[in-house]
Amino acid sequence: MTPFPDSAAARLRRQAAVVLITLAAGCALAGCQNSSPATEPTTQGSTVNTSEYSTLDAAGVAAIRDSKTAKLDMTSGRLSKEAVRVTQDSYGPEINTRDSGKISLTITAPTGEISGETDRIRFNTTDMRSDFSEVTYFLTADTPEEYFELIRDGVDRYGISADSAEDWISSTQADPGSKSDFSITSGRSTGLDVNYDLRYDGGKDTQVIIVHVRPVS
């Protein structure tokens, strides 16, 4: 029996199928992509600190303890909570390294820097403030002479009252075994209010200066 010849429509269908298969194979080899609009991926922001300044969240405090260095940015005249990665209702940490050595602390001020070697840093604020009202750190000296030198250094660097400082030093030199709690008149030459709060006890081996750094009101 002689088969019926293919109709023209059937031939066209077979040719079209071959073309589609060929195109699909070529597209797969070329890595074609769907032309519909792409959806942007959602990524979570990095928690790695890439700034030269320290943060006061848990990771930042751990880094300060490990490196024994801290740098705070108060070039604007204040230390904002957002800049150091703590929430507005945070009171800030207390960083105490008396059992492991001193921290090299630097505070970048509007004019110049405030710095010292300290084993204790505190932050004062309220849960209603967006910044810290005060950064406090402690300087220590093992001899009266070293203590007096620290005071004079604050006079030279921060504009603390020289007359107030020298009057206290003269009085203490005349009676080195005395005890005294004395706040020297603040200096503002850095654009911040720097106050030296003296805690002197001639009967102890270590003398303490509590340094208060505040925005100028």
N, C-alpha and C. Protein backbone atom coordinates (compact mmCIF):
# COMPACT_ATOMS: atom_id res chain seq x y z
N MET A 1 0.87 -1.18 0.00
CA MET A 1 0.00 0.00 0.00
C MET A 1 0.90 1.22 0.00
N THR A 2 0.56 2.24 -0.80
CA THR A 2 1.32 3.50 -0.89
C THR A 2 0.82 4.44 0.18
N PRO A 3 1.76 4.95 1.08
CA PRO A 3 1.30 5.85 2.16
C PRO A 3 0.83 7.16 1.61
N PHE A 4 -0.10 7.75 2.33
CA PHE A 4 -0.58 9.06 1.91
C PHE A 4 0.50 10.08 2.10
N PRO A 5 0.67 11.00 1.16
CA PRO A 5 1.70 12.05 1.33
C PRO A 5 1.34 12.97 2.50
N ASP A 6 2.42 13.51 3.16
CA ASP A 6 2.18 14.47 4.26
C ASP A 6 1.51 15.70 3.73
N SER A 7 0.64 16.21 4.55
CA SER A 7 0.03 17.48 4.17
C SER A 7 1.00 18.60 4.44
N ALA A 8 0.79 19.75 3.84
CA ALA A 8 1.67 20.92 4.04
C ALA A 8 1.64 21.37 5.47
N ALA A 9 0.48 21.30 6.13
CA ALA A 9 0.35 21.75 7.53
C ALA A 9 1.17 20.88 8.45
N ALA A 10 1.19 19.56 8.21
CA ALA A 10 1.95 18.66 9.06
C ALA A 10 3.43 18.93 8.94
N ARG A 11 3.89 19.19 7.68
CA ARG A 11 5.31 19.49 7.49
C ARG A 11 5.71 20.75 8.24
N LEU A 12 4.87 21.75 8.20
CA LEU A 12 5.17 23.02 8.89
C LEU A 12 5.26 22.82 10.38
N ARG A 13 4.36 21.96 10.95
CA ARG A 13 4.40 21.71 12.38
C ARG A 13 5.69 21.03 12.79
N ARG A 14 6.14 20.06 11.96
CA ARG A 14 7.38 19.36 12.30
C ARG A 14 8.57 20.30 12.21
N GLN A 15 8.59 21.18 11.20
CA GLN A 15 9.69 22.13 11.05
C GLN A 15 9.73 23.10 12.23
N ALA A 16 8.54 23.56 12.65
CA ALA A 16 8.49 24.51 13.78
C ALA A 16 9.00 23.86 15.05
N ALA A 17 8.66 22.57 15.25
CA ALA A 17 9.12 21.87 16.46
C ALA A 17 10.62 21.73 16.46
N VAL A 18 11.20 21.44 15.27
CA VAL A 18 12.66 21.31 15.18
C VAL A 18 13.33 22.64 15.51
N VAL A 19 12.76 23.73 15.01
CA VAL A 19 13.32 25.07 15.27
C VAL A 19 13.30 25.38 16.75
N LEU A 20 12.19 25.09 17.44
CA LEU A 20 12.06 25.37 18.87
C LEU A 20 13.06 24.56 19.68
N ILE A 21 13.22 23.28 19.33
CA ILE A 21 14.18 22.43 20.05
C ILE A 21 15.59 22.97 19.86
N THR A 22 15.91 23.38 18.64
CA THR A 22 17.25 23.91 18.36
C THR A 22 17.52 25.19 19.13
N LEU A 23 16.52 26.11 19.18
CA LEU A 23 16.66 27.36 19.92
C LEU A 23 16.85 27.11 21.40
N ALA A 24 16.06 26.17 21.95
CA ALA A 24 16.15 25.87 23.39
C ALA A 24 17.53 25.33 23.74
N ALA A 25 18.06 24.46 22.89
CA ALA A 25 19.37 23.90 23.16
C ALA A 25 20.45 24.97 23.10
N GLY A 26 20.34 25.85 22.09
CA GLY A 26 21.33 26.93 21.97
C GLY A 26 21.28 27.88 23.14
N CYS A 27 20.08 28.19 23.63
CA CYS A 27 19.92 29.11 24.77
C CYS A 27 20.52 28.51 26.02
N ALA A 28 20.32 27.20 26.22
CA ALA A 28 20.87 26.54 27.40
C ALA A 28 22.38 26.61 27.39
N LEU A 29 23.00 26.38 26.19
CA LEU A 29 24.45 26.43 26.09
C LEU A 29 24.98 27.84 26.32
N ALA A 30 24.22 28.86 25.91
CA ALA A 30 24.68 30.26 26.02
C ALA A 30 24.36 30.86 27.38
N GLY A 31 23.61 30.15 28.23
CA GLY A 31 23.28 30.66 29.56
C GLY A 31 22.26 31.77 29.53
N CYS A 32 21.27 31.68 28.67
CA CYS A 32 20.24 32.72 28.60
C CYS A 32 19.48 32.81 29.91
N GLN A 33 19.01 34.01 30.24
CA GLN A 33 18.25 34.24 31.47
C GLN A 33 16.90 34.82 31.14
N ASN A 34 16.00 34.62 32.08
CA ASN A 34 14.66 35.17 31.92
C ASN A 34 14.73 36.68 31.84
N SER A 35 14.01 37.29 30.95
CA SER A 35 14.08 38.73 30.75
C SER A 35 13.17 39.50 31.69
N SER A 36 12.50 38.82 32.63
CA SER A 36 11.63 39.52 33.57
C SER A 36 12.48 40.27 34.58
N PRO A 37 11.98 41.39 35.20
CA PRO A 37 12.76 42.20 36.13
C PRO A 37 13.29 41.37 37.30
N ALA A 38 14.58 41.59 37.65
CA ALA A 38 15.20 40.85 38.75
C ALA A 38 14.80 41.44 40.09
N THR A 39 14.73 40.60 41.10
CA THR A 39 14.43 41.05 42.46
C THR A 39 15.73 41.33 43.20
N GLU A 40 15.88 42.55 43.79
CA GLU A 40 17.09 42.89 44.53
C GLU A 40 17.22 41.99 45.76
N PRO A 41 18.41 41.43 46.01
CA PRO A 41 18.58 40.61 47.22
C PRO A 41 18.56 41.48 48.46
N THR A 42 18.07 40.94 49.53
CA THR A 42 18.05 41.66 50.80
C THR A 42 19.23 41.20 51.62
N THR A 43 20.03 42.15 52.10
CA THR A 43 21.21 41.82 52.89
C THR A 43 21.14 42.52 54.22
N GLN A 44 21.72 41.91 55.23
CA GLN A 44 21.76 42.50 56.56
C GLN A 44 23.05 43.28 56.70
N GLY A 45 22.96 44.49 57.22
CA GLY A 45 24.13 45.34 57.37
C GLY A 45 25.21 44.69 58.21
N SER A 46 26.47 44.95 57.85
CA SER A 46 27.60 44.37 58.59
C SER A 46 27.71 45.00 59.96
N THR A 47 28.10 44.18 60.94
CA THR A 47 28.33 44.69 62.31
C THR A 47 29.81 44.95 62.57
N VAL A 48 30.65 44.78 61.53
CA VAL A 48 32.08 45.02 61.68
C VAL A 48 32.34 46.52 61.71
N ASN A 49 33.11 46.96 62.68
CA ASN A 49 33.43 48.38 62.80
C ASN A 49 34.58 48.72 61.88
N THR A 50 34.33 49.54 60.87
CA THR A 50 35.37 49.94 59.92
C THR A 50 35.89 51.34 60.21
N SER A 51 35.41 51.98 61.27
CA SER A 51 35.84 53.33 61.64
C SER A 51 37.07 53.25 62.53
N GLU A 52 37.83 54.34 62.58
CA GLU A 52 38.97 54.41 63.50
C GLU A 52 38.51 54.60 64.94
N TYR A 53 37.23 54.96 65.14
CA TYR A 53 36.72 55.22 66.48
C TYR A 53 36.10 53.98 67.10
N SER A 54 36.17 53.93 68.42
CA SER A 54 35.63 52.79 69.16
C SER A 54 34.10 52.87 69.25
N THR A 55 33.48 51.71 69.42
CA THR A 55 32.06 51.64 69.72
C THR A 55 31.89 51.12 71.15
N LEU A 56 30.68 51.30 71.69
CA LEU A 56 30.43 50.91 73.08
C LEU A 56 29.41 49.79 73.20
N ASP A 57 29.11 49.11 72.08
CA ASP A 57 28.31 47.90 72.16
C ASP A 57 29.19 46.77 72.69
N ALA A 58 28.63 45.59 72.83
CA ALA A 58 29.38 44.48 73.43
C ALA A 58 30.67 44.19 72.67
N ALA A 59 30.58 44.19 71.34
CA ALA A 59 31.76 43.90 70.53
C ALA A 59 32.81 44.99 70.68
N GLY A 60 32.36 46.24 70.75
CA GLY A 60 33.28 47.36 70.89
C GLY A 60 34.00 47.36 72.22
N VAL A 61 33.27 47.06 73.29
CA VAL A 61 33.89 47.00 74.62
C VAL A 61 34.91 45.86 74.67
N ALA A 62 34.57 44.72 74.07
CA ALA A 62 35.50 43.60 74.03
C ALA A 62 36.78 43.97 73.28
N ALA A 63 36.62 44.73 72.19
CA ALA A 63 37.79 45.16 71.41
C ALA A 63 38.66 46.12 72.22
N ILE A 64 38.04 47.01 72.99
CA ILE A 64 38.80 47.92 73.84
C ILE A 64 39.59 47.13 74.89
N ARG A 65 38.94 46.17 75.51
CA ARG A 65 39.62 45.36 76.53
C ARG A 65 40.80 44.58 75.93
N ASP A 66 40.59 44.04 74.73
CA ASP A 66 41.63 43.23 74.11
C ASP A 66 42.82 44.07 73.63
N SER A 67 42.51 45.19 73.00
CA SER A 67 43.57 46.01 72.40
C SER A 67 44.19 47.01 73.37
N LYS A 68 43.48 47.26 74.48
CA LYS A 68 43.90 48.27 75.46
C LYS A 68 44.03 49.67 74.82
N THR A 69 43.17 49.92 73.84
CA THR A 69 43.10 51.25 73.22
C THR A 69 41.63 51.62 73.03
N ALA A 70 41.34 52.90 73.16
CA ALA A 70 39.99 53.40 72.92
C ALA A 70 40.10 54.80 72.32
N LYS A 71 39.30 55.05 71.31
CA LYS A 71 39.27 56.38 70.68
C LYS A 71 37.82 56.81 70.50
N LEU A 72 37.47 57.95 71.05
CA LEU A 72 36.10 58.44 71.03
C LEU A 72 36.03 59.74 70.22
N ASP A 73 34.98 59.85 69.43
CA ASP A 73 34.82 61.01 68.55
C ASP A 73 33.90 62.05 69.19
N MET A 74 34.50 63.14 69.69
CA MET A 74 33.72 64.26 70.21
C MET A 74 34.07 65.54 69.46
N THR A 75 34.40 65.40 68.17
CA THR A 75 34.74 66.56 67.37
C THR A 75 33.55 67.51 67.20
N SER A 76 32.35 66.98 67.34
CA SER A 76 31.15 67.82 67.26
C SER A 76 30.85 68.53 68.57
N GLY A 77 31.60 68.21 69.62
CA GLY A 77 31.35 68.76 70.94
C GLY A 77 30.51 67.86 71.82
N ARG A 78 30.15 66.68 71.31
CA ARG A 78 29.34 65.75 72.08
C ARG A 78 29.64 64.32 71.62
N LEU A 79 29.23 63.34 72.41
CA LEU A 79 29.38 61.93 72.06
C LEU A 79 27.99 61.33 71.96
N SER A 80 27.54 61.10 70.74
CA SER A 80 26.18 60.59 70.55
C SER A 80 26.13 59.08 70.77
N LYS A 81 25.01 58.62 71.26
CA LYS A 81 24.83 57.18 71.49
C LYS A 81 24.78 56.41 70.17
N GLU A 82 24.16 57.01 69.18
CA GLU A 82 24.07 56.34 67.89
C GLU A 82 25.45 56.09 67.30
N ALA A 83 26.36 57.06 67.45
CA ALA A 83 27.70 56.94 66.87
C ALA A 83 28.49 55.79 67.49
N VAL A 84 28.21 55.48 68.76
CA VAL A 84 28.95 54.38 69.43
C VAL A 84 28.11 53.11 69.51
N ARG A 85 27.00 53.07 68.78
CA ARG A 85 26.19 51.86 68.59
C ARG A 85 25.52 51.37 69.88
N VAL A 86 24.98 52.30 70.65
CA VAL A 86 24.13 51.90 71.77
C VAL A 86 22.78 52.58 71.60
N THR A 87 21.74 52.01 72.21
CA THR A 87 20.40 52.54 72.08
C THR A 87 20.23 53.80 72.92
N GLN A 88 19.21 54.59 72.60
CA GLN A 88 19.02 55.86 73.30
C GLN A 88 18.77 55.68 74.79
N ASP A 89 18.15 54.57 75.18
CA ASP A 89 17.87 54.37 76.60
C ASP A 89 19.05 53.75 77.35
N SER A 90 20.18 53.56 76.65
CA SER A 90 21.35 52.96 77.28
C SER A 90 22.07 53.97 78.18
N TYR A 91 22.61 53.48 79.29
CA TYR A 91 23.42 54.31 80.18
C TYR A 91 24.91 54.16 79.89
N GLY A 92 25.24 53.32 78.93
CA GLY A 92 26.63 53.12 78.57
C GLY A 92 27.33 52.15 79.51
N PRO A 93 28.46 51.61 79.07
CA PRO A 93 29.18 50.63 79.89
C PRO A 93 30.13 51.30 80.87
N GLU A 94 30.61 50.55 81.82
CA GLU A 94 31.79 50.94 82.59
C GLU A 94 32.88 49.96 82.21
N ILE A 95 34.01 50.49 81.75
CA ILE A 95 35.12 49.65 81.30
C ILE A 95 36.21 49.71 82.35
N ASN A 96 36.44 48.58 82.99
CA ASN A 96 37.40 48.50 84.10
C ASN A 96 38.44 47.43 83.76
N THR A 97 39.71 47.84 83.67
CA THR A 97 40.78 46.89 83.34
C THR A 97 41.88 46.91 84.41
N ARG A 98 41.49 47.18 85.64
CA ARG A 98 42.49 47.26 86.70
C ARG A 98 43.23 45.93 86.91
N ASP A 99 42.61 44.84 86.48
CA ASP A 99 43.25 43.53 86.64
C ASP A 99 44.08 43.12 85.43
N SER A 100 44.11 43.95 84.39
CA SER A 100 44.81 43.54 83.16
C SER A 100 45.62 44.64 82.49
N GLY A 101 45.74 45.81 83.10
CA GLY A 101 46.55 46.87 82.51
C GLY A 101 45.73 48.07 82.07
N LYS A 102 46.44 49.14 81.73
CA LYS A 102 45.78 50.41 81.39
C LYS A 102 45.41 50.50 79.91
N ILE A 103 44.39 51.29 79.65
CA ILE A 103 43.91 51.58 78.30
C ILE A 103 44.48 52.92 77.86
N SER A 104 44.96 52.97 76.62
CA SER A 104 45.35 54.25 76.02
C SER A 104 44.10 54.90 75.45
N LEU A 105 43.59 55.91 76.14
CA LEU A 105 42.34 56.57 75.75
C LEU A 105 42.64 57.87 75.03
N THR A 106 41.98 58.07 73.90
CA THR A 106 42.06 59.32 73.16
C THR A 106 40.65 59.81 72.89
N ILE A 107 40.38 61.06 73.20
CA ILE A 107 39.10 61.70 72.87
C ILE A 107 39.41 62.82 71.88
N THR A 108 38.90 62.70 70.66
CA THR A 108 39.10 63.74 69.66
C THR A 108 38.12 64.87 69.93
N ALA A 109 38.65 66.05 70.26
CA ALA A 109 37.84 67.20 70.65
C ALA A 109 37.66 68.13 69.44
N PRO A 110 36.81 69.16 69.56
CA PRO A 110 36.70 70.13 68.47
C PRO A 110 38.03 70.77 68.12
N THR A 111 38.89 70.96 69.14
CA THR A 111 40.23 71.51 68.93
C THR A 111 41.23 70.62 69.65
N GLY A 112 41.98 69.83 68.92
CA GLY A 112 42.99 68.97 69.53
C GLY A 112 42.41 67.70 70.12
N GLU A 113 43.15 67.12 71.06
CA GLU A 113 42.78 65.84 71.66
C GLU A 113 42.95 65.87 73.17
N ILE A 114 42.20 64.98 73.82
CA ILE A 114 42.33 64.72 75.25
C ILE A 114 42.76 63.26 75.36
N SER A 115 43.79 62.98 76.14
CA SER A 115 44.27 61.60 76.17
C SER A 115 44.87 61.28 77.53
N GLY A 116 44.95 59.99 77.80
CA GLY A 116 45.53 59.53 79.06
C GLY A 116 45.58 58.02 79.11
N GLU A 117 46.39 57.53 80.04
CA GLU A 117 46.47 56.10 80.31
C GLU A 117 45.60 55.82 81.53
N THR A 118 44.59 54.98 81.34
CA THR A 118 43.60 54.78 82.39
C THR A 118 43.15 53.32 82.48
N ASP A 119 42.73 52.91 83.66
CA ASP A 119 42.19 51.56 83.81
C ASP A 119 40.70 51.56 84.12
N ARG A 120 40.08 52.74 83.96
CA ARG A 120 38.64 52.80 84.26
C ARG A 120 38.01 53.96 83.48
N ILE A 121 36.98 53.63 82.68
CA ILE A 121 36.25 54.64 81.90
C ILE A 121 34.76 54.47 82.18
N ARG A 122 34.09 55.59 82.45
CA ARG A 122 32.65 55.56 82.70
C ARG A 122 31.95 56.56 81.80
N PHE A 123 30.65 56.35 81.60
CA PHE A 123 29.84 57.21 80.75
C PHE A 123 28.57 57.61 81.50
N ASN A 124 28.32 58.90 81.58
CA ASN A 124 27.15 59.40 82.30
C ASN A 124 26.09 59.90 81.32
N THR A 125 24.84 59.58 81.59
CA THR A 125 23.75 60.03 80.74
C THR A 125 22.44 59.71 81.43
N THR A 126 21.33 59.91 80.73
CA THR A 126 20.01 59.45 81.17
C THR A 126 19.37 58.72 79.99
N ASP A 127 18.28 58.01 80.26
CA ASP A 127 17.64 57.27 79.17
C ASP A 127 16.85 58.19 78.25
N MET A 128 16.81 59.49 78.55
CA MET A 128 16.11 60.45 77.69
C MET A 128 17.07 61.22 76.78
N ARG A 129 18.37 61.06 76.99
CA ARG A 129 19.34 61.79 76.18
C ARG A 129 19.80 60.95 75.01
N SER A 130 20.10 61.62 73.90
CA SER A 130 20.65 60.92 72.73
C SER A 130 22.17 60.93 72.74
N ASP A 131 22.75 61.57 73.77
CA ASP A 131 24.21 61.61 73.89
C ASP A 131 24.60 61.38 75.35
N PHE A 132 25.90 61.39 75.58
CA PHE A 132 26.42 61.23 76.95
C PHE A 132 26.74 62.61 77.51
N SER A 133 26.29 62.85 78.74
CA SER A 133 26.54 64.15 79.36
C SER A 133 27.97 64.28 79.84
N GLU A 134 28.67 63.14 79.97
CA GLU A 134 30.03 63.18 80.50
C GLU A 134 30.74 61.86 80.23
N VAL A 135 32.03 61.97 79.89
CA VAL A 135 32.93 60.82 79.87
C VAL A 135 33.89 61.01 81.03
N THR A 136 34.03 59.99 81.86
CA THR A 136 34.88 60.07 83.04
C THR A 136 35.95 58.99 82.96
N TYR A 137 37.19 59.38 83.23
CA TYR A 137 38.25 58.37 83.33
C TYR A 137 39.18 58.73 84.48
N PHE A 138 40.01 57.77 84.87
CA PHE A 138 40.81 57.90 86.09
C PHE A 138 42.31 57.86 85.74
N LEU A 139 43.04 58.84 86.24
CA LEU A 139 44.49 58.85 86.14
C LEU A 139 45.08 58.50 87.50
N THR A 140 46.18 57.78 87.51
CA THR A 140 46.80 57.41 88.78
C THR A 140 48.29 57.72 88.75
N ALA A 141 48.84 57.98 89.93
CA ALA A 141 50.27 58.24 90.09
C ALA A 141 50.76 57.55 91.34
N ASP A 142 52.01 57.10 91.30
CA ASP A 142 52.57 56.35 92.43
C ASP A 142 53.38 57.22 93.38
N THR A 143 53.67 58.46 92.97
CA THR A 143 54.41 59.38 93.84
C THR A 143 53.76 60.76 93.78
N PRO A 144 53.94 61.58 94.81
CA PRO A 144 53.41 62.95 94.75
C PRO A 144 53.98 63.74 93.58
N GLU A 145 55.25 63.55 93.27
CA GLU A 145 55.87 64.30 92.17
C GLU A 145 55.21 63.94 90.84
N GLU A 146 54.97 62.65 90.63
CA GLU A 146 54.28 62.22 89.41
C GLU A 146 52.87 62.78 89.37
N TYR A 147 52.22 62.84 90.50
CA TYR A 147 50.86 63.38 90.61
C TYR A 147 50.83 64.85 90.22
N PHE A 148 51.77 65.62 90.77
CA PHE A 148 51.82 67.05 90.46
C PHE A 148 52.10 67.27 88.97
N GLU A 149 52.92 66.40 88.38
CA GLU A 149 53.22 66.52 86.95
C GLU A 149 51.97 66.26 86.11
N LEU A 150 51.15 65.30 86.50
CA LEU A 150 49.90 65.05 85.79
C LEU A 150 48.99 66.28 85.83
N ILE A 151 48.92 66.92 86.97
CA ILE A 151 48.08 68.12 87.11
C ILE A 151 48.59 69.23 86.19
N ARG A 152 49.89 69.47 86.20
CA ARG A 152 50.47 70.54 85.37
C ARG A 152 50.31 70.23 83.89
N ASP A 153 50.34 68.95 83.54
CA ASP A 153 50.10 68.56 82.15
C ASP A 153 48.68 68.94 81.72
N GLY A 154 47.71 68.75 82.62
CA GLY A 154 46.33 69.15 82.31
C GLY A 154 46.19 70.66 82.15
N VAL A 155 46.95 71.41 82.94
CA VAL A 155 46.95 72.87 82.81
C VAL A 155 47.44 73.27 81.43
N ASP A 156 48.55 72.68 81.01
CA ASP A 156 49.16 73.03 79.72
C ASP A 156 48.30 72.61 78.54
N ARG A 157 47.71 71.42 78.61
CA ARG A 157 47.04 70.85 77.44
C ARG A 157 45.58 71.27 77.31
N TYR A 158 44.89 71.49 78.42
CA TYR A 158 43.44 71.67 78.36
C TYR A 158 42.97 73.02 78.87
N GLY A 159 43.89 73.86 79.31
CA GLY A 159 43.49 75.18 79.80
C GLY A 159 42.94 75.18 81.21
N ILE A 160 43.19 74.11 81.99
CA ILE A 160 42.78 74.08 83.39
C ILE A 160 43.49 75.20 84.14
N SER A 161 42.82 75.78 85.10
CA SER A 161 43.33 76.97 85.79
C SER A 161 44.70 76.71 86.43
N ALA A 162 45.71 77.45 85.97
CA ALA A 162 47.07 77.30 86.52
C ALA A 162 47.13 77.81 87.96
N ASP A 163 46.47 78.93 88.24
CA ASP A 163 46.50 79.49 89.60
C ASP A 163 45.88 78.52 90.60
N SER A 164 44.73 77.96 90.24
CA SER A 164 44.06 77.01 91.13
C SER A 164 44.92 75.77 91.35
N ALA A 165 45.55 75.29 90.27
CA ALA A 165 46.38 74.10 90.37
C ALA A 165 47.61 74.34 91.22
N GLU A 166 48.31 75.45 90.99
CA GLU A 166 49.55 75.72 91.72
C GLU A 166 49.29 76.01 93.20
N ASP A 167 48.18 76.65 93.50
CA ASP A 167 47.83 76.87 94.91
C ASP A 167 47.65 75.54 95.63
N TRP A 168 46.97 74.60 94.97
CA TRP A 168 46.75 73.30 95.61
C TRP A 168 48.07 72.53 95.74
N ILE A 169 48.89 72.56 94.69
CA ILE A 169 50.17 71.86 94.74
C ILE A 169 51.04 72.41 95.86
N SER A 170 51.13 73.73 96.01
CA SER A 170 51.94 74.34 97.07
C SER A 170 51.46 73.91 98.45
N SER A 171 50.14 73.90 98.63
CA SER A 171 49.58 73.50 99.92
C SER A 171 49.89 72.05 100.24
N THR A 172 49.81 71.18 99.24
CA THR A 172 50.05 69.76 99.45
C THR A 172 51.54 69.47 99.66
N GLN A 173 52.40 70.18 98.95
CA GLN A 173 53.84 70.00 99.16
C GLN A 173 54.25 70.38 100.58
N ALA A 174 53.55 71.35 101.16
CA ALA A 174 53.86 71.77 102.53
C ALA A 174 53.41 70.72 103.55
N ASP A 175 52.45 69.88 103.16
CA ASP A 175 51.95 68.84 104.08
C ASP A 175 51.66 67.59 103.25
N PRO A 176 52.70 66.86 102.81
CA PRO A 176 52.51 65.73 101.88
C PRO A 176 51.71 64.56 102.47
N GLY A 177 51.56 64.50 103.78
CA GLY A 177 50.78 63.42 104.37
C GLY A 177 49.31 63.72 104.52
N SER A 178 48.88 64.86 103.99
CA SER A 178 47.49 65.29 104.15
C SER A 178 46.55 64.53 103.22
N LYS A 179 45.26 64.74 103.43
CA LYS A 179 44.22 64.21 102.55
C LYS A 179 43.47 65.39 101.96
N SER A 180 43.06 65.26 100.67
CA SER A 180 42.37 66.37 100.03
C SER A 180 41.49 65.88 98.90
N ASP A 181 40.27 66.37 98.85
CA ASP A 181 39.38 66.22 97.70
C ASP A 181 39.17 67.61 97.14
N PHE A 182 39.67 67.85 95.93
CA PHE A 182 39.66 69.21 95.40
C PHE A 182 39.41 69.19 93.90
N SER A 183 38.50 70.04 93.44
CA SER A 183 38.17 70.15 92.02
C SER A 183 38.79 71.42 91.46
N ILE A 184 39.75 71.26 90.55
CA ILE A 184 40.41 72.42 89.94
C ILE A 184 39.46 73.06 88.92
N THR A 185 39.52 74.37 88.80
CA THR A 185 38.69 75.08 87.83
C THR A 185 38.92 74.51 86.43
N SER A 186 37.84 74.17 85.72
CA SER A 186 37.91 73.48 84.43
C SER A 186 38.63 74.29 83.37
N GLY A 187 39.13 73.56 82.36
CA GLY A 187 39.70 74.19 81.17
C GLY A 187 38.86 73.88 79.95
N ARG A 188 38.86 74.80 78.97
CA ARG A 188 38.01 74.63 77.77
C ARG A 188 38.78 74.90 76.48
N SER A 189 40.08 74.83 76.52
CA SER A 189 40.85 75.17 75.33
C SER A 189 40.66 74.16 74.19
N THR A 190 40.16 72.96 74.48
CA THR A 190 39.92 71.95 73.44
C THR A 190 38.53 72.04 72.83
N GLY A 191 37.69 72.94 73.37
CA GLY A 191 36.30 72.98 72.94
C GLY A 191 35.40 72.09 73.76
N LEU A 192 35.97 71.38 74.73
CA LEU A 192 35.23 70.59 75.70
C LEU A 192 35.60 71.05 77.10
N ASP A 193 34.71 70.81 78.05
CA ASP A 193 34.97 71.17 79.44
C ASP A 193 35.72 70.01 80.09
N VAL A 194 36.97 70.28 80.50
CA VAL A 194 37.81 69.25 81.12
C VAL A 194 38.08 69.64 82.56
N ASN A 195 37.64 68.78 83.47
CA ASN A 195 37.78 69.05 84.91
C ASN A 195 38.63 67.98 85.57
N TYR A 196 39.61 68.42 86.38
CA TYR A 196 40.42 67.50 87.17
C TYR A 196 39.92 67.52 88.61
N ASP A 197 39.37 66.38 89.02
CA ASP A 197 38.84 66.21 90.36
C ASP A 197 39.87 65.41 91.16
N LEU A 198 40.58 66.07 92.07
CA LEU A 198 41.71 65.45 92.76
C LEU A 198 41.24 64.64 93.96
N ARG A 199 41.78 63.43 94.07
CA ARG A 199 41.53 62.56 95.22
C ARG A 199 42.89 62.17 95.79
N TYR A 200 43.38 63.00 96.69
CA TYR A 200 44.74 62.82 97.21
C TYR A 200 44.69 62.33 98.65
N ASP A 201 45.51 61.31 98.93
CA ASP A 201 45.65 60.79 100.29
C ASP A 201 47.12 60.43 100.51
N GLY A 202 47.82 61.30 101.25
CA GLY A 202 49.24 61.09 101.47
C GLY A 202 49.57 59.81 102.18
N GLY A 203 48.60 59.16 102.78
CA GLY A 203 48.84 57.90 103.48
C GLY A 203 48.74 56.69 102.57
N LYS A 204 48.41 56.90 101.29
CA LYS A 204 48.28 55.79 100.34
C LYS A 204 49.39 55.83 99.30
N ASP A 205 49.63 54.68 98.70
CA ASP A 205 50.70 54.58 97.70
C ASP A 205 50.28 55.14 96.35
N THR A 206 49.00 55.06 96.03
CA THR A 206 48.51 55.50 94.72
C THR A 206 47.55 56.67 94.88
N GLN A 207 47.80 57.72 94.11
CA GLN A 207 46.95 58.90 94.12
C GLN A 207 46.11 58.94 92.84
N VAL A 208 44.91 59.50 92.92
CA VAL A 208 43.94 59.43 91.83
C VAL A 208 43.47 60.82 91.40
N ILE A 209 43.37 61.00 90.09
CA ILE A 209 42.70 62.16 89.50
C ILE A 209 41.52 61.62 88.70
N ILE A 210 40.32 62.11 88.99
CA ILE A 210 39.14 61.75 88.21
C ILE A 210 38.95 62.84 87.16
N VAL A 211 39.04 62.49 85.90
CA VAL A 211 38.94 63.45 84.81
C VAL A 211 37.51 63.40 84.25
N HIS A 212 36.85 64.55 84.26
CA HIS A 212 35.50 64.66 83.70
C HIS A 212 35.56 65.44 82.40
N VAL A 213 35.07 64.86 81.32
CA VAL A 213 35.05 65.51 80.02
C VAL A 213 33.59 65.70 79.62
N ARG A 214 33.21 66.97 79.44
CA ARG A 214 31.80 67.28 79.19
C ARG A 214 31.64 68.22 78.00
N PRO A 215 30.48 68.18 77.35
CA PRO A 215 30.19 69.22 76.36
C PRO A 215 30.18 70.59 77.03
N VAL A 216 30.58 71.60 76.29
CA VAL A 216 30.54 72.96 76.83
C VAL A 216 29.10 73.45 76.76
N SER A 217 28.55 73.79 77.89
CA SER A 217 27.14 74.21 77.92
C SER A 217 27.00 75.69 77.62
